[in-house]
Amino acid sequence: MYLYLFVLCFVYFVFKLYIIFCICFFLFFCIAKLYLFAFVWNIEGANCFL
């Protein structure tokens, strides 16, 4: 019985960590993509002005 509860808690903890990691990775990816897009757009805009 205790082993079952321990496994259940462990799985829940890992699942929660996995969700947090996925959310953080998704946010980081979106922010990085936006920064990269802005950086490229600024270079292209600067080239157009030059």
PDB file of N, CA and C in Angstrom:
ATOM      1  N   MET A   1       0.840  -1.204   0.000  1.00  0.00           N
ATOM      2  CA  MET A   1       0.000   0.000   0.000  1.00  0.00           C
ATOM      3  C   MET A   1       0.876   1.257   0.000  1.00  0.00           C
ATOM      4  N   TYR A   2       1.867   1.291   0.886  1.00  0.00           N
ATOM      5  CA  TYR A   2       2.743   2.463   0.938  1.00  0.00           C
ATOM      6  C   TYR A   2       3.563   2.617  -0.347  1.00  0.00           C
ATOM      7  N   LEU A   3       3.959   1.473  -0.899  1.00  0.00           N
ATOM      8  CA  LEU A   3       4.721   1.504  -2.149  1.00  0.00           C
ATOM      9  C   LEU A   3       3.862   2.103  -3.266  1.00  0.00           C
ATOM     10  N   TYR A   4       2.596   1.715  -3.302  1.00  0.00           N
ATOM     11  CA  TYR A   4       1.667   2.235  -4.306  1.00  0.00           C
ATOM     12  C   TYR A   4       1.522   3.755  -4.175  1.00  0.00           C
ATOM     13  N   LEU A   5       1.356   4.235  -2.937  1.00  0.00           N
ATOM     14  CA  LEU A   5       1.242   5.676  -2.689  1.00  0.00           C
ATOM     15  C   LEU A   5       2.525   6.399  -3.086  1.00  0.00           C
ATOM     16  N   PHE A   6       3.660   5.794  -2.761  1.00  0.00           N
ATOM     17  CA  PHE A   6       4.950   6.387  -3.100  1.00  0.00           C
ATOM     18  C   PHE A   6       5.103   6.520  -4.609  1.00  0.00           C
ATOM     19  N   VAL A   7       4.762   5.463  -5.328  1.00  0.00           N
ATOM     20  CA  VAL A   7       4.840   5.482  -6.795  1.00  0.00           C
ATOM     21  C   VAL A   7       3.893   6.532  -7.360  1.00  0.00           C
ATOM     22  N   LEU A   8       2.696   6.592  -6.806  1.00  0.00           N
ATOM     23  CA  LEU A   8       1.698   7.560  -7.258  1.00  0.00           C
ATOM     24  C   LEU A   8       2.200   8.994  -7.051  1.00  0.00           C
ATOM     25  N   CYS A   9       2.759   9.269  -5.870  1.00  0.00           N
ATOM     26  CA  CYS A   9       3.301  10.602  -5.582  1.00  0.00           C
ATOM     27  C   CYS A   9       4.475  10.932  -6.495  1.00  0.00           C
ATOM     28  N   PHE A  10       5.325   9.941  -6.725  1.00  0.00           N
ATOM     29  CA  PHE A  10       6.495  10.135  -7.578  1.00  0.00           C
ATOM     30  C   PHE A  10       6.073  10.470  -9.011  1.00  0.00           C
ATOM     31  N   VAL A  11       5.106   9.695  -9.526  1.00  0.00           N
ATOM     32  CA  VAL A  11       4.601   9.929 -10.888  1.00  0.00           C
ATOM     33  C   VAL A  11       3.968  11.315 -10.982  1.00  0.00           C
ATOM     34  N   TYR A  12       3.187  11.695  -9.980  1.00  0.00           N
ATOM     35  CA  TYR A  12       2.549  13.015  -9.957  1.00  0.00           C
ATOM     36  C   TYR A  12       3.602  14.123  -9.959  1.00  0.00           C
ATOM     37  N   PHE A  13       4.654  13.956  -9.136  1.00  0.00           N
ATOM     38  CA  PHE A  13       5.722  14.946  -9.036  1.00  0.00           C
ATOM     39  C   PHE A  13       6.459  15.095 -10.364  1.00  0.00           C
ATOM     40  N   VAL A  14       6.798  13.961 -10.984  1.00  0.00           N
ATOM     41  CA  VAL A  14       7.494  13.977 -12.272  1.00  0.00           C
ATOM     42  C   VAL A  14       6.610  14.622 -13.338  1.00  0.00           C
ATOM     43  N   PHE A  15       5.333  14.281 -13.337  1.00  0.00           N
ATOM     44  CA  PHE A  15       4.391  14.831 -14.310  1.00  0.00           C
ATOM     45  C   PHE A  15       4.284  16.348 -14.156  1.00  0.00           C
ATOM     46  N   LYS A  16       4.227  16.815 -12.881  1.00  0.00           N
ATOM     47  CA  LYS A  16       4.148  18.248 -12.620  1.00  0.00           C
ATOM     48  C   LYS A  16       5.415  18.960 -13.092  1.00  0.00           C
ATOM     49  N   LEU A  17       6.570  18.373 -12.807  1.00  0.00           N
ATOM     50  CA  LEU A  17       7.839  18.939 -13.261  1.00  0.00           C
ATOM     51  C   LEU A  17       7.884  18.990 -14.781  1.00  0.00           C
ATOM     52  N   TYR A  18       7.399  17.925 -15.421  1.00  0.00           N
ATOM     53  CA  TYR A  18       7.389  17.853 -16.883  1.00  0.00           C
ATOM     54  C   TYR A  18       6.521  18.964 -17.476  1.00  0.00           C
ATOM     55  N   ILE A  19       5.352  19.208 -16.876  1.00  0.00           N
ATOM     56  CA  ILE A  19       4.462  20.272 -17.347  1.00  0.00           C
ATOM     57  C   ILE A  19       5.124  21.638 -17.177  1.00  0.00           C
ATOM     58  N   ILE A  20       5.741  21.866 -16.003  1.00  0.00           N
ATOM     59  CA  ILE A  20       6.417  23.138 -15.750  1.00  0.00           C
ATOM     60  C   ILE A  20       7.553  23.340 -16.755  1.00  0.00           C
ATOM     61  N   PHE A  21       8.322  22.281 -17.004  1.00  0.00           N
ATOM     62  CA  PHE A  21       9.428  22.345 -17.951  1.00  0.00           C
ATOM     63  C   PHE A  21       8.919  22.661 -19.353  1.00  0.00           C
ATOM     64  N   CYS A  22       7.829  22.009 -19.757  1.00  0.00           N
ATOM     65  CA  CYS A  22       7.258  22.254 -21.089  1.00  0.00           C
ATOM     66  C   CYS A  22       6.792  23.707 -21.230  1.00  0.00           C
ATOM     67  N   ILE A  23       6.127  24.234 -20.190  1.00  0.00           N
ATOM     68  CA  ILE A  23       5.641  25.612 -20.230  1.00  0.00           C
ATOM     69  C   ILE A  23       6.818  26.578 -20.320  1.00  0.00           C
ATOM     70  N   CYS A  24       7.839  26.342 -19.491  1.00  0.00           N
ATOM     71  CA  CYS A  24       9.020  27.211 -19.505  1.00  0.00           C
ATOM     72  C   CYS A  24       9.723  27.152 -20.853  1.00  0.00           C
ATOM     73  N   PHE A  25       9.868  25.948 -21.405  1.00  0.00           N
ATOM     74  CA  PHE A  25      10.535  25.782 -22.696  1.00  0.00           C
ATOM     75  C   PHE A  25       9.739  26.484 -23.792  1.00  0.00           C
ATOM     76  N   PHE A  26       8.413  26.341 -23.762  1.00  0.00           N
ATOM     77  CA  PHE A  26       7.552  26.970 -24.761  1.00  0.00           C
ATOM     78  C   PHE A  26       7.664  28.493 -24.697  1.00  0.00           C
ATOM     79  N   LEU A  27       7.625  29.052 -23.458  1.00  0.00           N
ATOM     80  CA  LEU A  27       7.759  30.502 -23.284  1.00  0.00           C
ATOM     81  C   LEU A  27       9.122  30.985 -23.765  1.00  0.00           C
ATOM     82  N   PHE A  28      10.181  30.258 -23.368  1.00  0.00           N
ATOM     83  CA  PHE A  28      11.531  30.620 -23.781  1.00  0.00           C
ATOM     84  C   PHE A  28      11.652  30.582 -25.296  1.00  0.00           C
ATOM     85  N   PHE A  29      11.091  29.541 -25.931  1.00  0.00           N
ATOM     86  CA  PHE A  29      11.147  29.395 -27.384  1.00  0.00           C
ATOM     87  C   PHE A  29      10.429  30.553 -28.066  1.00  0.00           C
ATOM     88  N   CYS A  30       9.236  30.917 -27.555  1.00  0.00           N
ATOM     89  CA  CYS A  30       8.473  32.022 -28.145  1.00  0.00           C
ATOM     90  C   CYS A  30       9.220  33.348 -28.002  1.00  0.00           C
ATOM     91  N   ILE A  31       9.768  33.599 -26.814  1.00  0.00           N
ATOM     92  CA  ILE A  31      10.503  34.850 -26.576  1.00  0.00           C
ATOM     93  C   ILE A  31      11.748  34.908 -27.457  1.00  0.00           C
ATOM     94  N   ALA A  32      12.471  33.786 -27.539  1.00  0.00           N
ATOM     95  CA  ALA A  32      13.680  33.732 -28.371  1.00  0.00           C
ATOM     96  C   ALA A  32      13.327  33.968 -29.837  1.00  0.00           C
ATOM     97  N   LYS A  33      12.228  33.384 -30.293  1.00  0.00           N
ATOM     98  CA  LYS A  33      11.803  33.556 -31.678  1.00  0.00           C
ATOM     99  C   LYS A  33      11.441  35.023 -31.943  1.00  0.00           C
ATOM    100  N   LEU A  34      10.743  35.645 -31.000  1.00  0.00           N
ATOM    101  CA  LEU A  34      10.389  37.058 -31.157  1.00  0.00           C
ATOM    102  C   LEU A  34      11.628  37.945 -31.199  1.00  0.00           C
ATOM    103  N   TYR A  35      12.589  37.673 -30.275  1.00  0.00           N
ATOM    104  CA  TYR A  35      13.824  38.451 -30.264  1.00  0.00           C
ATOM    105  C   TYR A  35      14.591  38.279 -31.572  1.00  0.00           C
ATOM    106  N   LEU A  36      14.667  37.030 -32.046  1.00  0.00           N
ATOM    107  CA  LEU A  36      15.382  36.749 -33.288  1.00  0.00           C
ATOM    108  C   LEU A  36      14.699  37.456 -34.458  1.00  0.00           C
ATOM    109  N   PHE A  37      13.381  37.400 -34.494  1.00  0.00           N
ATOM    110  CA  PHE A  37      12.620  38.051 -35.560  1.00  0.00           C
ATOM    111  C   PHE A  37      12.853  39.565 -35.529  1.00  0.00           C
ATOM    112  N   ALA A  38      12.811  40.166 -34.337  1.00  0.00           N
ATOM    113  CA  ALA A  38      13.033  41.605 -34.201  1.00  0.00           C
ATOM    114  C   ALA A  38      14.454  41.964 -34.625  1.00  0.00           C
ATOM    115  N   PHE A  39      15.423  41.135 -34.235  1.00  0.00           N
ATOM    116  CA  PHE A  39      16.830  41.368 -34.579  1.00  0.00           C
ATOM    117  C   PHE A  39      17.021  41.328 -36.093  1.00  0.00           C
ATOM    118  N   VAL A  40      16.481  40.296 -36.739  1.00  0.00           N
ATOM    119  CA  VAL A  40      16.599  40.162 -38.201  1.00  0.00           C
ATOM    120  C   VAL A  40      15.880  41.321 -38.883  1.00  0.00           C
ATOM    121  N   TRP A  41      14.693  41.668 -38.380  1.00  0.00           N
ATOM    122  CA  TRP A  41      13.907  42.745 -38.977  1.00  0.00           C
ATOM    123  C   TRP A  41      14.654  44.071 -38.857  1.00  0.00           C
ATOM    124  N   ASN A  42      15.324  44.306 -37.705  1.00  0.00           N
ATOM    125  CA  ASN A  42      16.108  45.521 -37.522  1.00  0.00           C
ATOM    126  C   ASN A  42      17.271  45.581 -38.504  1.00  0.00           C
ATOM    127  N   ILE A  43      17.939  44.450 -38.720  1.00  0.00           N
ATOM    128  CA  ILE A  43      19.057  44.402 -39.671  1.00  0.00           C
ATOM    129  C   ILE A  43      18.540  44.695 -41.077  1.00  0.00           C
ATOM    130  N   GLU A  44      17.435  44.066 -41.433  1.00  0.00           N
ATOM    131  CA  GLU A  44      16.861  44.272 -42.771  1.00  0.00           C
ATOM    132  C   GLU A  44      16.417  45.730 -42.933  1.00  0.00           C
ATOM    133  N   GLY A  45      15.793  46.272 -41.876  1.00  0.00           N
ATOM    134  CA  GLY A  45      15.347  47.664 -41.925  1.00  0.00           C
ATOM    135  C   GLY A  45      16.543  48.607 -42.052  1.00  0.00           C
ATOM    136  N   ALA A  46      17.611  48.325 -41.310  1.00  0.00           N
ATOM    137  CA  ALA A  46      18.816  49.154 -41.365  1.00  0.00           C
ATOM    138  C   ALA A  46      19.421  49.077 -42.765  1.00  0.00           C
ATOM    139  N   ASN A  47      19.420  47.887 -43.364  1.00  0.00           N
ATOM    140  CA  ASN A  47      19.950  47.732 -44.716  1.00  0.00           C
ATOM    141  C   ASN A  47      19.107  48.512 -45.722  1.00  0.00           C
ATOM    142  N   CYS A  48      17.788  48.525 -45.494  1.00  0.00           N
ATOM    143  CA  CYS A  48      16.921  49.281 -46.405  1.00  0.00           C
ATOM    144  C   CYS A  48      17.217  50.778 -46.287  1.00  0.00           C
ATOM    145  N   PHE A  49      17.419  51.252 -45.038  1.00  0.00           N
ATOM    146  CA  PHE A  49      17.689  52.679 -44.854  1.00  0.00           C
ATOM    147  C   PHE A  49      19.058  53.063 -45.401  1.00  0.00           C
ATOM    148  N   LEU A  50      20.016  52.144 -45.293  1.00  0.00           N
ATOM    149  CA  LEU A  50      21.355  52.416 -45.826  1.00  0.00           C
ATOM    150  C   LEU A  50      21.323  52.306 -47.349  1.00  0.00           C
TER     151      LEU A  50
END
